[in-house]
Amino acid sequence: MLDNITFIDLVALTRITPDSTVERFGGLINSSFFDASNILGTLKQKGLVDFVTQFPSQSAITVTDQGKQLIAEVQEKSTTPFDKLDLEILVKVSEGSKTLPDLTTTVNVTTKDLATHLYKLSTQQLLSYELRNGNMMLMLTEKGFLTVKEGAPRPVAQEQPAPQPGAVPEAATPSAQPEGSGSLLDNPDIKKYAPPKTDAELQNLEKKILMEKRTDKLILAAIIIVIAIVVFYLYMIGVI
């Protein structure tokens, strides 16, 4: 399959219907007759379409077997999961690369790979486009904008096997703690309680222990103050 396929080629190719003609094709791609003819001429040079001319009727457009194979290929790839190249393309569009020449320059892949991923992003409603007079303008959809802000989507968590009797829950191991939490389970005060099963339970347990320590300190401070008052009183009355 040719590697010089562009996204405009794919869009134009998928707009062709059994009753499409050369003379009326411009209306299907929002382009003038001249621009539409140039696009069709490019598709014919790449072996993706052919023309059937019957005078005095209009010239019919037919998709070749190679064109049908290309459509089937990109449609199959449009159902694949979102990947790093998809994210990179969305990022570049959000940064201002909204035309095919600009995007081709900033994303260093073949034009066919870029076209395939643009078709995929459009199918998955992450990207929209406007083809007019032979030029392509790319835009992010709301879904695509949010995807760029959030970064690559997280993989779906795989179901964990049931813990064996007596085994320490995975969430209680240091590697399962959130970044920046430290080795909380090494705290001997936490070990007095039942092992927490989730990060939230671990954080709540830590807060509980902190409150208990503060209460103990307040009680100790109160005892010291009372003793000081008693000692001062005894001193004042001459007992000590």
Protein backbone atom coordinates (compact mmCIF):
# COMPACT_ATOMS: atom_id res chain seq x y z
CA MET A 1 0.00 0.00 0.00
CA LEU A 2 1.24 3.49 -0.82
CA ASP A 3 2.89 5.49 1.99
CA ASN A 4 2.12 8.91 0.48
CA ILE A 5 -1.59 8.85 1.33
CA THR A 6 -2.78 12.06 2.99
CA PHE A 7 -5.75 12.76 5.22
CA ILE A 8 -7.35 14.73 2.40
CA ASP A 9 -7.05 11.62 0.22
CA LEU A 10 -8.84 9.55 2.88
CA VAL A 11 -11.62 12.07 3.41
CA ALA A 12 -12.22 12.46 -0.32
CA LEU A 13 -12.11 8.70 -0.86
CA THR A 14 -14.68 8.02 1.86
CA ARG A 15 -17.03 10.66 0.40
CA ILE A 16 -17.35 8.80 -2.89
CA THR A 17 -20.71 7.06 -3.37
CA PRO A 18 -21.89 4.76 -6.18
CA ASP A 19 -23.57 7.69 -7.94
CA SER A 20 -20.70 10.19 -7.53
CA THR A 21 -19.51 11.98 -10.65
CA VAL A 22 -16.49 14.10 -11.44
CA GLU A 23 -18.63 17.10 -12.30
CA ARG A 24 -20.52 17.09 -8.98
CA PHE A 25 -17.83 15.82 -6.63
CA GLY A 26 -16.85 19.33 -5.50
CA GLY A 27 -20.12 19.65 -3.62
CA LEU A 28 -19.27 16.58 -1.54
CA ILE A 29 -15.99 18.03 -0.28
CA ASN A 30 -16.91 21.74 -0.09
CA SER A 31 -14.57 22.59 -2.92
CA SER A 32 -14.73 24.20 -6.32
CA PHE A 33 -14.77 22.09 -9.47
CA PHE A 34 -11.11 22.93 -10.07
CA ASP A 35 -9.97 21.95 -6.55
CA ALA A 36 -12.11 18.81 -6.57
CA SER A 37 -10.65 17.81 -9.93
CA ASN A 38 -7.12 18.19 -8.55
CA ILE A 39 -7.98 15.94 -5.60
CA LEU A 40 -9.57 13.34 -7.86
CA GLY A 41 -6.57 13.50 -10.18
CA THR A 42 -4.29 12.78 -7.21
CA LEU A 43 -6.46 9.83 -6.15
CA LYS A 44 -6.33 8.43 -9.69
CA GLN A 45 -2.53 8.80 -9.85
CA LYS A 46 -2.28 6.81 -6.62
CA GLY A 47 -4.50 4.10 -8.06
CA LEU A 48 -7.34 4.64 -5.60
CA VAL A 49 -10.10 5.70 -8.04
CA ASP A 50 -10.95 5.42 -11.69
CA PHE A 51 -13.30 7.30 -14.02
CA VAL A 52 -15.91 5.96 -16.40
CA THR A 53 -16.75 8.50 -19.09
CA GLN A 54 -19.92 8.10 -21.12
CA PHE A 55 -20.76 10.96 -23.49
CA PRO A 56 -22.90 12.97 -23.26
CA SER A 57 -23.53 11.93 -19.59
CA GLN A 58 -21.25 12.85 -16.68
CA SER A 59 -18.11 10.94 -15.73
CA ALA A 60 -18.73 8.40 -12.98
CA ILE A 61 -16.19 7.82 -10.19
CA THR A 62 -15.37 4.29 -9.09
CA VAL A 63 -13.19 3.21 -6.17
CA THR A 64 -10.55 0.68 -7.19
CA ASP A 65 -9.74 -2.48 -5.27
CA GLN A 66 -6.67 -0.72 -3.87
CA GLY A 67 -8.88 2.14 -2.70
CA LYS A 68 -11.33 -0.25 -1.07
CA GLN A 69 -8.46 -2.02 0.67
CA LEU A 70 -7.19 1.32 2.02
CA ILE A 71 -10.62 2.25 3.35
CA ALA A 72 -10.97 -1.13 5.07
CA GLU A 73 -7.50 -0.77 6.60
CA VAL A 74 -8.04 2.69 8.09
CA GLN A 75 -11.51 1.76 9.34
CA GLU A 76 -10.06 -1.24 11.14
CA LYS A 77 -7.30 0.86 12.72
CA SER A 78 -9.81 3.51 13.79
CA THR A 79 -11.17 1.05 16.37
CA THR A 80 -7.80 0.47 18.06
CA PRO A 81 -7.15 1.91 21.57
CA PHE A 82 -5.92 5.46 22.06
CA ASP A 83 -2.10 5.53 22.00
CA LYS A 84 0.85 7.90 22.50
CA LEU A 85 0.94 9.02 18.87
CA ASP A 86 -2.75 9.94 19.06
CA LEU A 87 -2.02 12.06 22.14
CA GLU A 88 0.98 13.70 20.46
CA ILE A 89 -1.15 14.67 17.47
CA LEU A 90 -3.83 16.20 19.72
CA VAL A 91 -1.17 18.12 21.64
CA LYS A 92 0.35 19.54 18.45
CA VAL A 93 -3.07 20.60 17.17
CA SER A 94 -3.80 22.29 20.52
CA GLU A 95 -0.46 24.13 20.24
CA GLY A 96 -1.35 25.60 16.85
CA SER A 97 -0.53 23.00 14.19
CA LYS A 98 -4.01 23.12 12.66
CA THR A 99 -3.17 22.52 9.00
CA LEU A 100 -1.82 19.34 7.43
CA PRO A 101 1.50 20.93 6.32
CA ASP A 102 2.15 22.27 9.83
CA LEU A 103 1.17 19.01 11.50
CA THR A 104 3.28 16.95 9.09
CA THR A 105 6.29 19.09 10.00
CA THR A 106 5.84 18.81 13.77
CA VAL A 107 4.89 15.11 13.88
CA ASN A 108 7.69 13.09 12.33
CA VAL A 109 5.78 10.15 10.83
CA THR A 110 4.84 9.16 7.30
CA THR A 111 1.90 10.94 5.73
CA LYS A 112 -0.04 7.68 5.62
CA ASP A 113 0.48 7.01 9.34
CA LEU A 114 -0.54 10.58 10.13
CA ALA A 115 -3.61 10.27 7.90
CA THR A 116 -4.60 6.97 9.53
CA HIS A 117 -4.35 8.42 13.04
CA LEU A 118 -6.24 11.58 12.05
CA TYR A 119 -9.01 9.41 10.65
CA LYS A 120 -9.02 7.41 13.89
CA LEU A 121 -9.16 10.56 16.06
CA SER A 122 -12.00 11.91 13.93
CA THR A 123 -13.92 8.64 14.18
CA GLN A 124 -13.46 8.57 17.98
CA GLN A 125 -14.70 12.20 18.15
CA LEU A 126 -11.48 13.58 19.55
CA LEU A 127 -10.76 15.71 16.49
CA SER A 128 -12.86 17.52 13.92
CA TYR A 129 -11.88 18.91 10.53
CA GLU A 130 -13.10 21.23 7.81
CA LEU A 131 -12.26 20.49 4.19
CA ARG A 132 -12.87 23.51 2.00
CA ASN A 133 -11.45 24.38 -1.43
CA GLY A 134 -8.80 21.71 -1.17
CA ASN A 135 -7.50 22.85 2.22
CA MET A 136 -7.87 21.04 5.55
CA MET A 137 -8.33 22.77 8.92
CA LEU A 138 -8.06 20.64 12.08
CA MET A 139 -9.71 21.39 15.43
CA LEU A 140 -10.03 19.64 18.78
CA THR A 141 -13.43 18.59 20.00
CA GLU A 142 -14.38 19.06 23.65
CA LYS A 143 -13.50 15.43 24.24
CA GLY A 144 -10.13 15.92 22.57
CA PHE A 145 -9.44 19.09 24.58
CA LEU A 146 -10.13 17.29 27.85
CA THR A 147 -7.94 14.39 26.75
CA VAL A 148 -5.02 16.76 26.16
CA LYS A 149 -5.53 18.37 29.58
CA GLU A 150 -5.68 15.03 31.36
CA GLY A 151 -2.91 13.39 29.37
CA ALA A 152 -2.96 9.81 28.17
CA PRO A 153 -5.88 7.86 29.64
CA ARG A 154 -4.95 5.44 32.40
CA PRO A 155 -5.13 1.75 31.58
CA VAL A 156 -8.03 -0.16 33.07
CA ALA A 157 -6.96 -1.73 36.35
CA GLN A 158 -6.80 -5.48 36.17
CA GLU A 159 -8.73 -7.47 38.71
CA GLN A 160 -6.42 -8.56 41.55
CA PRO A 161 -6.52 -12.16 42.78
CA ALA A 162 -8.17 -12.79 46.14
CA PRO A 163 -5.68 -12.53 49.05
CA GLN A 164 -4.57 -15.76 50.64
CA PRO A 165 -5.41 -16.38 54.33
CA GLY A 166 -2.90 -14.60 56.55
CA ALA A 167 -1.42 -12.59 53.68
CA VAL A 168 -0.89 -8.85 54.18
CA PRO A 169 -3.22 -6.86 51.88
CA GLU A 170 -1.40 -5.32 48.94
CA ALA A 171 -2.57 -1.83 49.90
CA ALA A 172 -0.69 -2.25 53.21
CA THR A 173 2.71 -2.67 51.56
CA PRO A 174 4.98 0.39 51.17
CA SER A 175 4.91 0.10 47.34
CA ALA A 176 1.12 0.56 47.35
CA GLN A 177 1.29 3.91 49.14
CA PRO A 178 0.63 7.12 47.21
CA GLU A 179 3.63 9.16 46.21
CA GLY A 180 4.91 11.36 49.03
CA SER A 181 3.20 9.38 51.83
CA GLY A 182 6.43 7.75 53.08
CA SER A 183 6.57 4.40 54.89
CA LEU A 184 3.51 5.02 57.08
CA LEU A 185 3.08 1.37 57.89
CA ASP A 186 6.51 1.36 59.58
CA ASN A 187 5.00 3.54 62.33
CA PRO A 188 4.63 1.32 65.46
CA ASP A 189 1.46 3.23 66.45
CA ILE A 190 -0.22 2.17 63.22
CA LYS A 191 0.82 -1.45 63.75
CA LYS A 192 -1.35 -1.54 66.92
CA TYR A 193 -4.46 -1.36 64.77
CA ALA A 194 -5.88 -3.69 62.18
CA PRO A 195 -4.00 -3.31 58.86
CA PRO A 196 -5.80 -0.76 56.64
CA LYS A 197 -7.02 -2.11 53.34
CA THR A 198 -7.12 1.11 51.31
CA ASP A 199 -5.18 4.36 51.09
CA ALA A 200 -8.17 6.23 52.53
CA GLU A 201 -8.30 3.94 55.59
CA LEU A 202 -4.56 4.40 56.08
CA GLN A 203 -4.88 8.20 55.97
CA ASN A 204 -7.83 8.17 58.39
CA LEU A 205 -5.88 5.92 60.76
CA GLU A 206 -2.90 8.26 60.64
CA LYS A 207 -5.16 11.23 61.50
CA LYS A 208 -6.64 9.28 64.41
CA ILE A 209 -3.21 8.50 65.83
CA LEU A 210 -2.15 12.13 65.41
CA MET A 211 -5.22 13.30 67.35
CA GLU A 212 -4.49 10.80 70.12
CA LYS A 213 -0.93 12.08 70.42
CA ARG A 214 -2.14 15.67 70.60
CA THR A 215 -4.63 14.71 73.32
CA ASP A 216 -1.89 12.99 75.32
CA LYS A 217 0.29 16.08 75.05
CA LEU A 218 -2.55 18.34 76.25
CA ILE A 219 -3.22 16.07 79.23
CA LEU A 220 0.49 16.04 80.11
CA ALA A 221 0.68 19.81 79.83
CA ALA A 222 -2.39 20.18 82.07
CA ILE A 223 -0.84 17.91 84.73
CA ILE A 224 2.39 19.91 84.66
CA ILE A 225 0.45 23.18 85.08
CA VAL A 226 -1.54 21.76 88.04
CA ILE A 227 1.64 20.55 89.73
CA ALA A 228 3.26 23.94 89.19
CA ILE A 229 0.26 25.70 90.75
CA VAL A 230 0.28 23.36 93.79
CA VAL A 231 4.01 23.83 94.27
CA PHE A 232 3.65 27.60 94.02
CA TYR A 233 0.76 27.58 96.51
CA LEU A 234 2.72 25.49 99.02
CA TYR A 235 5.68 27.83 98.60
CA MET A 236 3.52 30.86 99.26
CA ILE A 237 2.10 29.45 102.52
CA GLY A 238 5.53 28.43 103.68
CA VAL A 239 5.12 24.72 103.51
CA ILE A 240 8.12 24.41 101.21
